Protein backbone atom coordinates (compact mmCIF):
# COMPACT_ATOMS: atom_id res chain seq x y z
CA MET A 1 54.74 69.06 3.56
CA ASP A 2 55.30 65.20 3.32
CA LEU A 3 55.34 64.29 -0.36
CA ARG A 4 56.57 60.72 0.03
CA PRO A 5 54.35 58.19 -1.78
CA ILE A 6 52.57 55.55 0.30
CA GLY A 7 53.97 52.10 -0.40
CA ILE A 8 51.49 49.28 -1.12
CA SER A 9 51.80 45.59 -2.10
CA THR A 10 49.29 42.76 -2.52
CA ILE A 11 48.94 39.01 -2.48
CA PRO A 12 48.35 38.04 -5.23
CA LYS A 13 50.99 40.34 -6.62
CA ASN A 14 50.53 39.92 -10.36
CA PRO A 15 47.46 39.32 -12.55
CA TRP A 16 46.58 35.68 -13.27
CA THR A 17 48.47 34.44 -10.22
CA VAL A 18 47.37 30.94 -9.06
CA LEU A 19 47.04 30.79 -5.29
CA PRO A 20 48.23 27.50 -3.81
CA GLU A 21 45.49 26.64 -1.29
CA ALA A 22 41.69 26.76 -1.15
CA GLU A 23 41.85 28.93 1.97
CA THR A 24 44.82 31.16 1.04
CA PRO A 25 44.01 34.69 2.30
CA LEU A 26 44.36 37.83 0.20
CA VAL A 27 46.69 40.46 1.68
CA VAL A 28 47.03 44.24 1.19
CA ARG A 29 50.18 45.69 2.85
CA PHE A 30 51.12 49.35 3.42
CA ASP A 31 54.43 50.85 4.53
CA THR A 32 52.74 53.17 6.98
CA GLU A 33 49.83 53.15 9.37
CA MET A 34 46.54 53.66 7.56
CA GLU A 35 43.07 54.79 8.47
CA LYS A 36 41.57 51.28 8.46
CA SER A 37 37.99 52.16 7.63
CA PHE A 38 39.01 53.87 4.37
CA VAL A 39 41.04 50.85 3.27
CA GLU A 40 38.28 48.38 4.15
CA ARG A 41 35.75 50.37 2.12
CA ALA A 42 38.10 50.38 -0.87
CA LEU A 43 38.58 46.59 -0.90
CA GLN A 44 36.32 44.33 -2.96
CA VAL A 45 36.69 40.66 -3.99
CA TYR A 46 34.50 39.29 -6.80
CA SER A 47 33.93 36.41 -9.20
CA PHE A 48 31.62 35.91 -12.16
CA SER A 49 28.76 35.14 -9.79
CA GLY A 50 29.11 38.35 -7.77
CA ILE A 51 30.78 39.71 -4.66
CA VAL A 52 32.71 37.18 -2.57
CA ASP A 53 31.96 37.29 1.16
CA GLY A 54 34.78 37.03 3.63
CA GLU A 55 36.33 38.19 6.89
CA LEU A 56 38.64 41.22 7.20
CA ARG A 57 41.34 41.42 9.84
CA TRP A 58 44.39 43.60 10.40
CA GLU A 59 47.79 42.39 11.40
CA GLY A 60 49.89 45.48 11.86
CA ARG A 61 49.93 47.38 8.59
CA SER A 62 48.49 44.42 6.61
CA LEU A 63 44.84 43.84 5.85
CA TYR A 64 43.87 40.16 5.40
CA PHE A 65 40.79 38.90 3.53
CA VAL A 66 39.74 35.30 4.36
CA PRO A 67 36.85 33.94 2.22
CA SER A 68 33.79 32.64 4.08
CA VAL A 69 33.76 29.64 1.77
CA PRO A 70 37.02 28.15 0.45
CA TRP A 71 38.09 29.26 -3.01
CA ASN A 72 36.98 27.03 -5.89
CA PRO A 73 39.58 25.82 -8.36
CA GLY A 74 39.28 27.01 -11.93
CA ILE A 75 37.12 30.06 -11.10
CA ARG A 76 38.43 33.47 -12.02
CA TYR A 77 38.41 35.80 -9.02
CA GLY A 78 39.37 39.43 -8.80
CA LEU A 79 40.98 41.61 -6.07
CA LYS A 80 39.88 45.20 -6.53
CA LEU A 81 41.03 48.33 -4.66
CA SER A 82 39.47 51.61 -5.71
CA GLY A 83 39.00 55.08 -4.21
CA ASN A 84 40.99 57.29 -1.86
CA VAL A 85 42.66 55.98 1.28
CA ILE A 86 44.32 58.07 4.01
CA ALA A 87 47.39 57.37 6.11
CA ARG A 88 47.40 58.40 9.75
CA ASP A 89 50.07 61.00 9.01
CA GLY A 90 47.66 62.68 6.61
CA ARG A 91 48.95 61.50 3.29
CA GLU A 92 46.42 60.32 0.72
CA LEU A 93 46.54 57.61 -1.94
CA THR A 94 44.20 57.09 -4.84
CA LEU A 95 43.80 53.36 -5.56
CA ALA A 96 42.86 51.81 -8.92
CA ILE A 97 44.00 48.20 -8.64
CA ASP A 98 42.22 45.21 -10.21
CA ILE A 99 44.10 41.89 -10.07
CA PRO A 100 42.47 38.77 -11.52
CA PHE A 101 43.63 35.48 -9.98
CA TYR A 102 42.85 31.75 -9.69
CA VAL A 103 43.19 29.24 -6.90
CA ILE A 104 44.89 25.84 -7.24
CA SER A 105 44.17 25.52 -10.99
CA ARG A 106 43.55 27.72 -14.01
CA SER A 107 41.77 24.95 -15.93
CA PRO A 108 38.40 26.17 -17.27
CA GLN A 109 35.19 25.30 -15.44
CA PRO A 110 33.12 22.45 -16.83
CA TYR A 111 29.72 23.21 -18.28
CA LEU A 112 26.84 21.25 -19.79
CA VAL A 113 27.33 21.00 -23.55
CA SER A 114 24.00 19.29 -24.29
CA PHE A 115 21.31 17.13 -22.75
CA SER A 116 18.60 14.74 -23.91
CA PRO A 117 15.61 14.83 -24.01
CA PRO A 118 15.51 18.51 -24.98
CA ASP A 119 13.81 20.95 -22.67
CA SER A 120 9.99 20.50 -22.55
CA ALA A 121 10.18 17.48 -24.90
CA SER A 122 7.43 14.83 -25.04
CA VAL A 123 8.70 11.32 -24.29
CA GLY A 124 7.32 7.83 -23.66
CA VAL A 125 7.24 6.29 -20.21
CA SER A 126 9.67 3.54 -21.23
CA ARG A 127 12.34 5.93 -22.55
CA GLU A 128 15.87 4.63 -22.07
CA PRO A 129 18.01 6.25 -20.90
CA ILE A 130 15.69 8.54 -19.01
CA LEU A 131 18.17 11.45 -19.13
CA GLU A 132 21.56 12.00 -20.78
CA LEU A 133 23.96 14.84 -19.84
CA ASN A 134 27.05 15.72 -21.90
CA PHE A 135 29.75 17.77 -20.14
CA SER A 136 32.64 19.81 -21.56
CA ARG A 137 35.18 18.19 -19.22
CA ALA A 138 35.68 14.82 -17.61
CA MET A 139 33.69 14.83 -14.38
CA ASP A 140 34.08 13.48 -10.89
CA SER A 141 31.33 10.85 -10.92
CA ARG A 142 30.35 10.95 -7.25
CA SER A 143 30.00 14.73 -6.99
CA ALA A 144 28.09 14.92 -10.29
CA GLU A 145 25.66 12.17 -9.25
CA ASN A 146 25.09 13.85 -5.89
CA ALA A 147 24.54 17.20 -7.57
CA LEU A 148 21.79 15.82 -9.86
CA ILE A 149 18.19 16.37 -8.77
CA LEU A 150 15.71 14.14 -10.62
CA ASP A 151 12.69 12.58 -8.91
CA ILE A 152 11.65 9.48 -10.88
CA PRO A 153 9.98 6.17 -9.94
CA GLY A 154 12.14 3.25 -8.94
CA GLU A 155 15.84 3.05 -8.19
CA LYS A 156 18.14 5.30 -10.22
CA TYR A 157 21.40 3.97 -11.55
CA PHE A 158 24.09 5.82 -13.48
CA GLU A 159 26.16 5.00 -16.54
CA TRP A 160 29.30 7.02 -17.46
CA LEU A 161 30.63 7.10 -21.02
CA ASP A 162 33.22 9.00 -23.07
CA ASP A 163 35.83 9.13 -20.30
CA TYR A 164 33.33 10.53 -17.78
CA LYS A 165 32.05 13.28 -20.05
CA THR A 166 28.62 11.67 -20.65
CA LEU A 167 26.25 10.67 -17.87
CA ARG A 168 23.19 8.49 -18.53
CA ILE A 169 20.50 8.05 -15.91
CA HIS A 170 18.39 4.85 -15.86
CA SER A 171 15.66 3.46 -13.59
CA ASP A 172 14.39 -0.02 -12.81
CA LYS A 173 10.80 1.23 -13.24
CA ALA A 174 8.92 2.97 -16.03
CA LEU A 175 8.01 6.63 -15.70
CA ASN A 176 4.47 7.65 -14.86
CA PRO A 177 2.38 8.72 -17.86
CA TRP A 178 1.29 12.31 -18.42
CA THR A 179 3.73 13.65 -15.83
CA VAL A 180 6.14 16.59 -15.94
CA TYR A 181 9.60 15.61 -14.74
CA ARG A 182 12.06 18.36 -13.82
CA TRP A 183 15.78 17.93 -13.38
CA SER A 184 18.73 20.10 -12.41
CA ILE A 185 22.42 19.66 -11.78
CA GLN A 186 23.91 22.00 -9.23
CA GLU A 187 27.23 23.84 -9.18
CA LYS A 188 28.61 21.41 -6.63
CA ALA A 189 29.21 18.97 -9.49
CA LEU A 190 33.01 18.90 -9.94
CA SER A 191 35.27 18.08 -12.82
CA GLY A 192 37.91 15.43 -12.43
CA GLU A 193 40.30 18.23 -11.39
CA GLY A 194 37.91 19.36 -8.67
CA ILE A 195 36.62 22.44 -10.52
CA PRO A 196 32.91 23.16 -9.98
CA LEU A 197 30.32 23.38 -12.71
CA ALA A 198 30.20 26.86 -14.24
CA LYS A 199 26.54 27.28 -13.28
CA GLU A 200 23.45 25.27 -12.41
CA PHE A 201 21.68 23.73 -15.40
CA SER A 202 18.07 22.52 -15.45
CA GLY A 203 15.35 21.27 -17.78
CA ARG A 204 12.14 19.30 -17.93
CA PHE A 205 10.36 16.70 -20.05
CA ILE A 206 6.78 15.43 -20.23
CA THR A 207 5.64 11.80 -20.57
CA ASP A 208 2.74 12.60 -22.89
CA MET A 209 3.97 11.06 -26.14
CA GLU A 210 1.31 8.35 -25.84
CA ARG A 211 -2.09 10.07 -26.00
CA GLU A 212 -4.46 7.21 -26.91
CA PHE A 213 -6.23 5.62 -23.95
CA LEU A 214 -6.47 1.87 -23.60
CA LYS A 215 -9.96 0.52 -24.26
CA VAL A 216 -11.80 -2.78 -24.79
CA THR A 217 -12.84 -3.27 -28.43
CA GLN A 218 -14.38 -6.76 -28.32
CA VAL A 219 -15.62 -9.36 -25.84
CA ILE A 220 -16.72 -12.77 -27.15
CA PRO A 221 -17.06 -16.39 -25.98
CA LEU A 222 -14.18 -18.61 -27.08
CA ILE A 223 -13.97 -22.35 -27.67
CA PRO A 224 -10.77 -23.91 -26.28
CA PRO A 225 -8.43 -25.72 -28.71
CA GLU A 226 -9.23 -29.20 -27.40
CA LYS A 227 -12.95 -28.77 -28.11
CA PHE A 228 -12.75 -27.28 -31.60
CA HIS A 229 -12.38 -29.55 -34.63
CA GLY A 230 -12.94 -27.16 -37.56
CA SER A 231 -10.52 -25.02 -39.56
CA LEU A 232 -9.04 -21.84 -38.16
CA SER A 233 -9.84 -18.42 -39.64
CA PRO A 234 -7.54 -15.39 -40.01
CA GLU A 235 -9.23 -13.93 -36.94
CA ASN A 236 -7.33 -16.53 -34.92
CA GLU A 237 -4.21 -14.43 -35.27
CA ILE A 238 -5.84 -12.47 -32.48
CA TRP A 239 -7.30 -15.41 -30.52
CA GLY A 240 -4.48 -17.91 -31.04
CA ALA A 241 -5.60 -21.53 -30.83
CA TRP A 242 -8.96 -20.50 -29.38
CA THR A 243 -11.98 -20.13 -31.68
CA PRO A 244 -14.77 -17.54 -31.47
CA ALA A 245 -18.09 -19.17 -30.52
CA ALA A 246 -20.10 -16.03 -31.32
CA LEU A 247 -19.63 -12.45 -32.48
CA ASN A 248 -20.61 -10.91 -29.16
CA MET A 249 -21.77 -11.72 -25.65
CA GLU A 250 -25.52 -11.65 -26.30
CA GLN A 251 -25.35 -15.33 -25.47
CA GLY A 252 -22.52 -15.90 -23.03
CA PRO A 253 -19.96 -18.71 -22.92
CA GLY A 254 -21.08 -22.28 -23.06
CA PHE A 255 -19.79 -25.27 -21.17
CA GLY A 256 -15.98 -25.30 -21.00
CA GLN A 257 -15.66 -22.04 -22.92
CA GLY A 258 -13.70 -18.90 -22.05
CA ILE A 259 -14.31 -15.18 -22.41
CA GLY A 260 -12.06 -13.49 -24.96
CA VAL A 261 -11.20 -9.79 -24.57
CA LYS A 262 -9.55 -7.68 -27.28
CA PHE A 263 -7.99 -4.23 -26.73
CA ASN A 264 -7.10 -1.39 -29.07
CA LYS A 265 -3.46 -1.60 -27.93
CA ALA A 266 -1.23 -3.82 -25.83
CA PRO A 267 -2.12 -3.80 -22.11
CA ASP A 268 0.35 -4.30 -19.29
CA ILE A 269 0.31 -8.06 -18.71
CA GLU A 270 0.68 -8.01 -14.93
CA SER A 271 -2.12 -5.51 -14.35
CA LEU A 272 -4.30 -7.37 -16.90
CA ARG A 273 -4.20 -10.54 -14.82
CA ARG A 274 -5.71 -8.58 -11.89
CA ALA A 275 -8.21 -6.54 -13.93
CA PHE A 276 -11.05 -9.09 -14.28
CA SER A 277 -13.92 -9.37 -11.80
CA PHE A 278 -17.47 -10.73 -11.96
CA ALA A 279 -20.75 -10.22 -10.16
CA PRO A 280 -21.85 -12.69 -8.94
CA PRO A 281 -18.28 -13.96 -8.37
CA LEU A 282 -16.75 -16.24 -10.97
CA SER A 283 -13.21 -17.48 -10.35
CA GLY A 284 -10.75 -18.22 -13.11
CA ILE A 285 -7.39 -17.47 -14.68
CA VAL A 286 -6.28 -15.12 -17.45
CA GLU A 287 -4.26 -16.43 -20.38
CA ILE A 288 -2.54 -14.04 -22.79
CA LEU A 289 -3.29 -14.91 -26.44
CA SER A 290 -1.61 -12.05 -28.32
CA PRO A 291 -0.21 -8.59 -27.51
CA VAL A 292 -3.77 -7.18 -27.68
CA SER A 293 -5.95 -10.11 -26.54
CA ALA A 294 -6.49 -12.43 -23.62
CA VAL A 295 -8.96 -15.07 -22.49
CA PHE A 296 -10.55 -15.48 -19.06
CA ILE A 297 -10.87 -19.20 -18.30
CA PRO A 298 -13.38 -19.98 -15.52
CA THR A 299 -12.27 -22.62 -13.04
CA ARG A 300 -15.94 -23.63 -12.83
CA ASP A 301 -18.69 -23.17 -15.37
CA PRO A 302 -21.14 -20.27 -14.99
CA GLU A 303 -24.45 -21.21 -13.42
CA PRO A 304 -27.39 -21.77 -15.84
CA GLU A 305 -29.62 -18.77 -16.53
CA VAL A 306 -27.67 -16.53 -14.13
CA ILE A 307 -26.87 -13.03 -15.43
CA TYR A 308 -23.22 -12.19 -14.82
CA THR A 309 -21.56 -8.79 -15.12
CA LEU A 310 -17.99 -8.75 -16.31
CA ARG A 311 -15.94 -5.78 -15.08
CA ILE A 312 -12.49 -4.85 -16.37
CA SER A 313 -10.98 -2.33 -14.02
CA GLY A 314 -10.25 1.18 -15.24
CA ALA A 315 -6.95 0.88 -13.33
CA LEU A 316 -5.69 -1.41 -16.11
CA ARG A 317 -2.66 0.18 -17.78
CA ASP A 318 -1.17 -0.12 -21.23
CA ARG A 319 2.52 -0.88 -21.64
CA GLU A 320 3.24 2.86 -21.52
CA GLY A 321 1.56 3.03 -18.10
CA LEU A 322 -1.50 4.95 -19.31
CA ARG A 323 -4.69 3.83 -17.55
CA MET A 324 -8.06 3.11 -19.13
CA SER A 325 -10.27 6.12 -18.72
CA GLU A 326 -13.05 4.15 -16.94
CA ASP A 327 -14.20 0.65 -15.99
CA TYR A 328 -15.51 -1.59 -18.77
CA THR A 329 -18.63 -3.63 -17.93
CA SER A 330 -20.60 -6.21 -19.90
CA SER A 331 -23.52 -8.37 -18.77
CA PHE A 332 -24.23 -11.81 -20.16
CA LYS A 333 -26.07 -15.05 -19.44
CA ALA A 334 -24.16 -18.27 -19.84
CA ASP A 335 -25.07 -20.50 -22.76
CA VAL A 336 -25.70 -23.34 -20.29
CA PRO A 337 -29.44 -24.15 -19.93
CA PHE A 338 -31.04 -25.99 -17.07
CA LEU A 339 -31.59 -29.70 -17.49
CA LYS A 340 -35.27 -30.65 -17.76
CA ILE A 341 -37.44 -33.78 -18.03
CA LEU A 342 -38.93 -33.75 -21.53
CA SER A 343 -41.09 -36.84 -21.10
CA PHE A 344 -41.73 -39.91 -18.99
CA SER A 345 -43.04 -43.14 -20.48
CA SER A 346 -44.02 -46.57 -19.22
CA GLY A 347 -46.08 -49.42 -20.69
CA GLY A 348 -46.75 -47.56 -23.92
CA ASN A 349 -48.03 -44.44 -22.16
CA THR A 350 -46.08 -41.18 -22.31
CA ILE A 351 -46.42 -37.90 -20.50
CA SER A 352 -44.69 -34.88 -22.05
CA ALA A 353 -43.16 -32.15 -19.90
CA PRO A 354 -44.32 -33.77 -16.70
CA GLN A 355 -44.82 -31.47 -13.74
CA SER A 356 -43.07 -32.26 -10.51
CA GLY A 357 -45.55 -33.54 -7.94
CA SER A 358 -47.94 -35.08 -10.50
CA SER A 359 -48.90 -38.76 -10.72
CA PHE A 360 -48.55 -41.25 -13.55
CA PRO A 361 -49.90 -44.82 -13.96
CA VAL A 362 -47.33 -47.55 -14.61
CA PRO A 363 -47.92 -51.26 -15.21
CA VAL A 364 -46.38 -53.87 -12.97
CA ASN A 365 -44.92 -56.57 -15.21
CA THR A 366 -44.37 -60.21 -14.55
CA GLY A 367 -41.95 -60.62 -11.69
CA LYS A 368 -43.25 -57.49 -9.96
CA ILE A 369 -41.15 -55.23 -12.19
CA ILE A 370 -41.84 -51.59 -13.08
CA GLN A 371 -40.10 -50.34 -16.21
CA PHE A 372 -39.98 -46.74 -17.40
CA VAL A 373 -37.93 -44.37 -19.58
CA ILE A 374 -36.86 -40.85 -18.54
CA ASP A 375 -36.24 -38.53 -21.47
CA PHE A 376 -33.96 -35.61 -20.52
CA SER A 377 -33.81 -32.33 -22.41
CA LEU A 378 -30.04 -32.48 -22.90
CA PRO A 379 -27.53 -35.24 -23.61
CA PHE A 380 -25.29 -36.64 -20.90
CA ASP A 381 -21.54 -36.89 -21.37
CA GLN A 382 -21.06 -40.28 -22.99
CA GLU A 383 -17.27 -40.07 -22.65
CA ASN A 384 -17.53 -39.80 -18.90
CA PRO A 385 -19.21 -42.90 -17.43
CA VAL A 386 -19.02 -41.47 -13.92
CA ILE A 387 -21.52 -38.73 -14.85
CA ARG A 388 -24.08 -41.30 -16.06
CA GLN A 389 -23.47 -43.58 -13.09
CA GLU A 390 -23.99 -40.71 -10.64
CA CYS A 391 -27.24 -39.82 -12.35
CA VAL A 392 -28.51 -43.40 -11.99
CA PHE A 393 -27.50 -43.74 -8.34
CA ARG A 394 -29.04 -40.39 -7.37
CA ILE A 395 -32.48 -41.44 -8.66
CA SER A 396 -34.57 -43.18 -6.01
CA LEU A 397 -37.93 -45.03 -5.99
CA ARG A 398 -39.58 -45.65 -2.63
CA PRO A 399 -43.01 -46.87 -1.47
CA PHE A 400 -45.30 -43.96 -0.73
CA PHE A 401 -48.78 -45.33 -0.04
CA PRO A 402 -49.76 -47.39 1.78
CA ALA A 403 -46.95 -47.41 4.34
CA THR A 404 -47.09 -51.19 4.48
CA LEU A 405 -45.62 -51.59 0.96
CA PRO A 406 -42.30 -53.44 1.00
CA PRO A 407 -39.16 -51.64 -0.23
CA VAL A 408 -38.15 -51.92 -3.90
CA SER A 409 -34.72 -52.19 -5.49
CA LEU A 410 -33.15 -51.19 -8.76
CA ARG A 411 -32.92 -54.14 -11.11
CA THR A 412 -31.36 -52.59 -14.21
CA ALA A 413 -30.48 -49.17 -15.59
CA ARG A 414 -29.41 -48.59 -19.17
CA TRP A 415 -28.80 -45.50 -21.29
CA ILE A 416 -30.57 -46.22 -24.56
CA SER A 417 -29.29 -42.91 -25.94
CA SER A 418 -27.30 -39.95 -24.64
CA ASP A 419 -30.47 -38.37 -23.21
CA LYS A 420 -32.78 -41.35 -22.45
CA LEU A 421 -32.46 -43.55 -19.38
CA LEU A 422 -34.29 -46.90 -19.08
CA MET A 423 -34.81 -48.13 -15.52
CA GLU A 424 -36.35 -51.32 -14.06
CA TRP A 425 -37.34 -51.65 -10.40
CA GLU A 426 -38.34 -54.93 -8.78
CA ALA A 427 -40.40 -56.00 -5.77
CA THR A 428 -43.19 -53.64 -6.67
CA GLU A 429 -46.82 -54.54 -5.99
CA ALA A 430 -49.80 -53.50 -8.07
CA GLY A 431 -52.77 -51.94 -6.41
CA THR A 432 -56.40 -52.96 -6.69
CA PRO A 433 -59.38 -50.98 -8.05
CA ASP A 434 -60.42 -50.07 -4.54
CA LYS A 435 -56.92 -49.53 -3.12
CA GLY A 436 -54.14 -47.88 -5.14
CA HIS A 437 -50.44 -48.46 -4.60
CA TYR A 438 -48.13 -45.46 -5.08
CA TYR A 439 -44.38 -45.15 -5.36
CA ARG A 440 -42.43 -41.89 -5.14
CA LEU A 441 -39.82 -41.31 -7.90
CA HIS A 442 -37.24 -38.70 -6.84
CA ILE A 443 -34.64 -37.13 -9.19
CA PRO A 444 -32.53 -34.64 -7.18
CA GLY A 445 -32.00 -31.14 -8.57
CA GLY A 446 -29.83 -28.13 -7.75
CA SER A 447 -26.12 -27.69 -8.31
CA GLY A 448 -25.40 -30.79 -6.21
CA GLY A 449 -28.05 -32.92 -7.91
CA THR A 450 -28.42 -34.51 -11.33
CA ARG A 451 -25.84 -33.09 -13.77
CA ASN A 452 -25.20 -33.97 -17.42
CA GLY A 453 -21.45 -33.32 -17.43
CA PHE A 454 -21.79 -30.24 -19.65
CA GLY A 455 -22.60 -27.74 -16.92
CA SER A 456 -26.37 -28.28 -16.92
CA TYR A 457 -28.38 -29.60 -14.01
CA LEU A 458 -31.99 -29.83 -12.87
CA LYS A 459 -33.04 -26.52 -11.41
CA GLU A 460 -34.87 -28.24 -8.55
CA ASP A 461 -35.88 -31.68 -7.38
CA PHE A 462 -38.25 -33.58 -9.67
CA ILE A 463 -40.82 -35.83 -8.01
CA LEU A 464 -43.32 -38.11 -9.75
CA TYR A 465 -45.84 -40.37 -7.99
CA LEU A 466 -46.15 -43.65 -9.86
CA GLU A 467 -49.43 -45.56 -9.45
CA ALA A 468 -48.66 -49.25 -9.80
CA LYS A 469 -51.40 -51.01 -11.76
């Protein structure tokens, strides 16, 4: 009977040994030939995360274990041999070996001490920093940044504090509102000594701190600073140097006025400048008056008696990035009436509200002169002589019947008030009782016709047939 004990040794030999290399194999040596399958079944290598995979190979009487993935520094591993093994000569050995060991370093693994915002916290879209991670050990910045998973708008950039123990994540764009953002940092994040994170950490936060939707609270016509000469009211804290022309848009903006819009909260300025549209189209610019108000300034005045629809897009965002729930629309008619002819007078006779195409008797004075006064419904801009000159030069008087009448010419034109024009035409000829002489007075209308300088113009051409007597 062979009663000699079976000799066995291991690498690592003693508990808490620190192996020198990341790929150092574990070795189990015997002093005799062994039944290999029994030994292989008895061998187990583990760490806190479970069984470690590796390759087994024999070199003589020595069994080598090579890990599939290199050892990680700072992680506690264990070499365990348990159960019965048999030598080829029939001797048996009961194993009960458990040797803890490290590789390269025994320094503890880093872990996440705290993070902000807390898990499932509500935050605003402009939160800065977006995420803060506090580690137990100084970290290797590159591996930690690569191990972080966080999908946010814009370009991420990182800030390290506290000797690389605190990582702050920033972005050049605001977060999207009402969105769940999830983050995680994987175990491949290493400490400054190359030791991996103890485990993967993760969390989430929600950008739902702002719950009030942006909405329009007031739309009114506004008088620009250069056209208002009264005293300002406290309401002008909202409208700045502009002055409300009315309390609502029942009667839209007048000549040279803007459209003021007030919100319940501050809108995003850039999206506000693109939010205005009109039907029919009305071009203009948007000027910001206060954090919650703006004015749309038309580059041309609205057309008289045209109904416009103002639309403010529901895509408009507040400064937290939260959109309006729906489009805002408002219809209005500009406070710019059409220009009309109130009356026409000559030689002491007057016709009120003359109809285009009608006839009117006028006396021919000494020197073959016809004199008449046109009374317009609205004043002409007295500070702009070009407007009054254009009105005069657009008015024409031509022979109508008979065709043999000689041409006439304008002798004088004078504005006797802001809305009354006196004109004298010469070379006219009076008719006889049996043969009338008629002249055609033409005042052009339409947007390219007679304008008063305040946005009003004749809706259509005005024609009056003057019977020279």
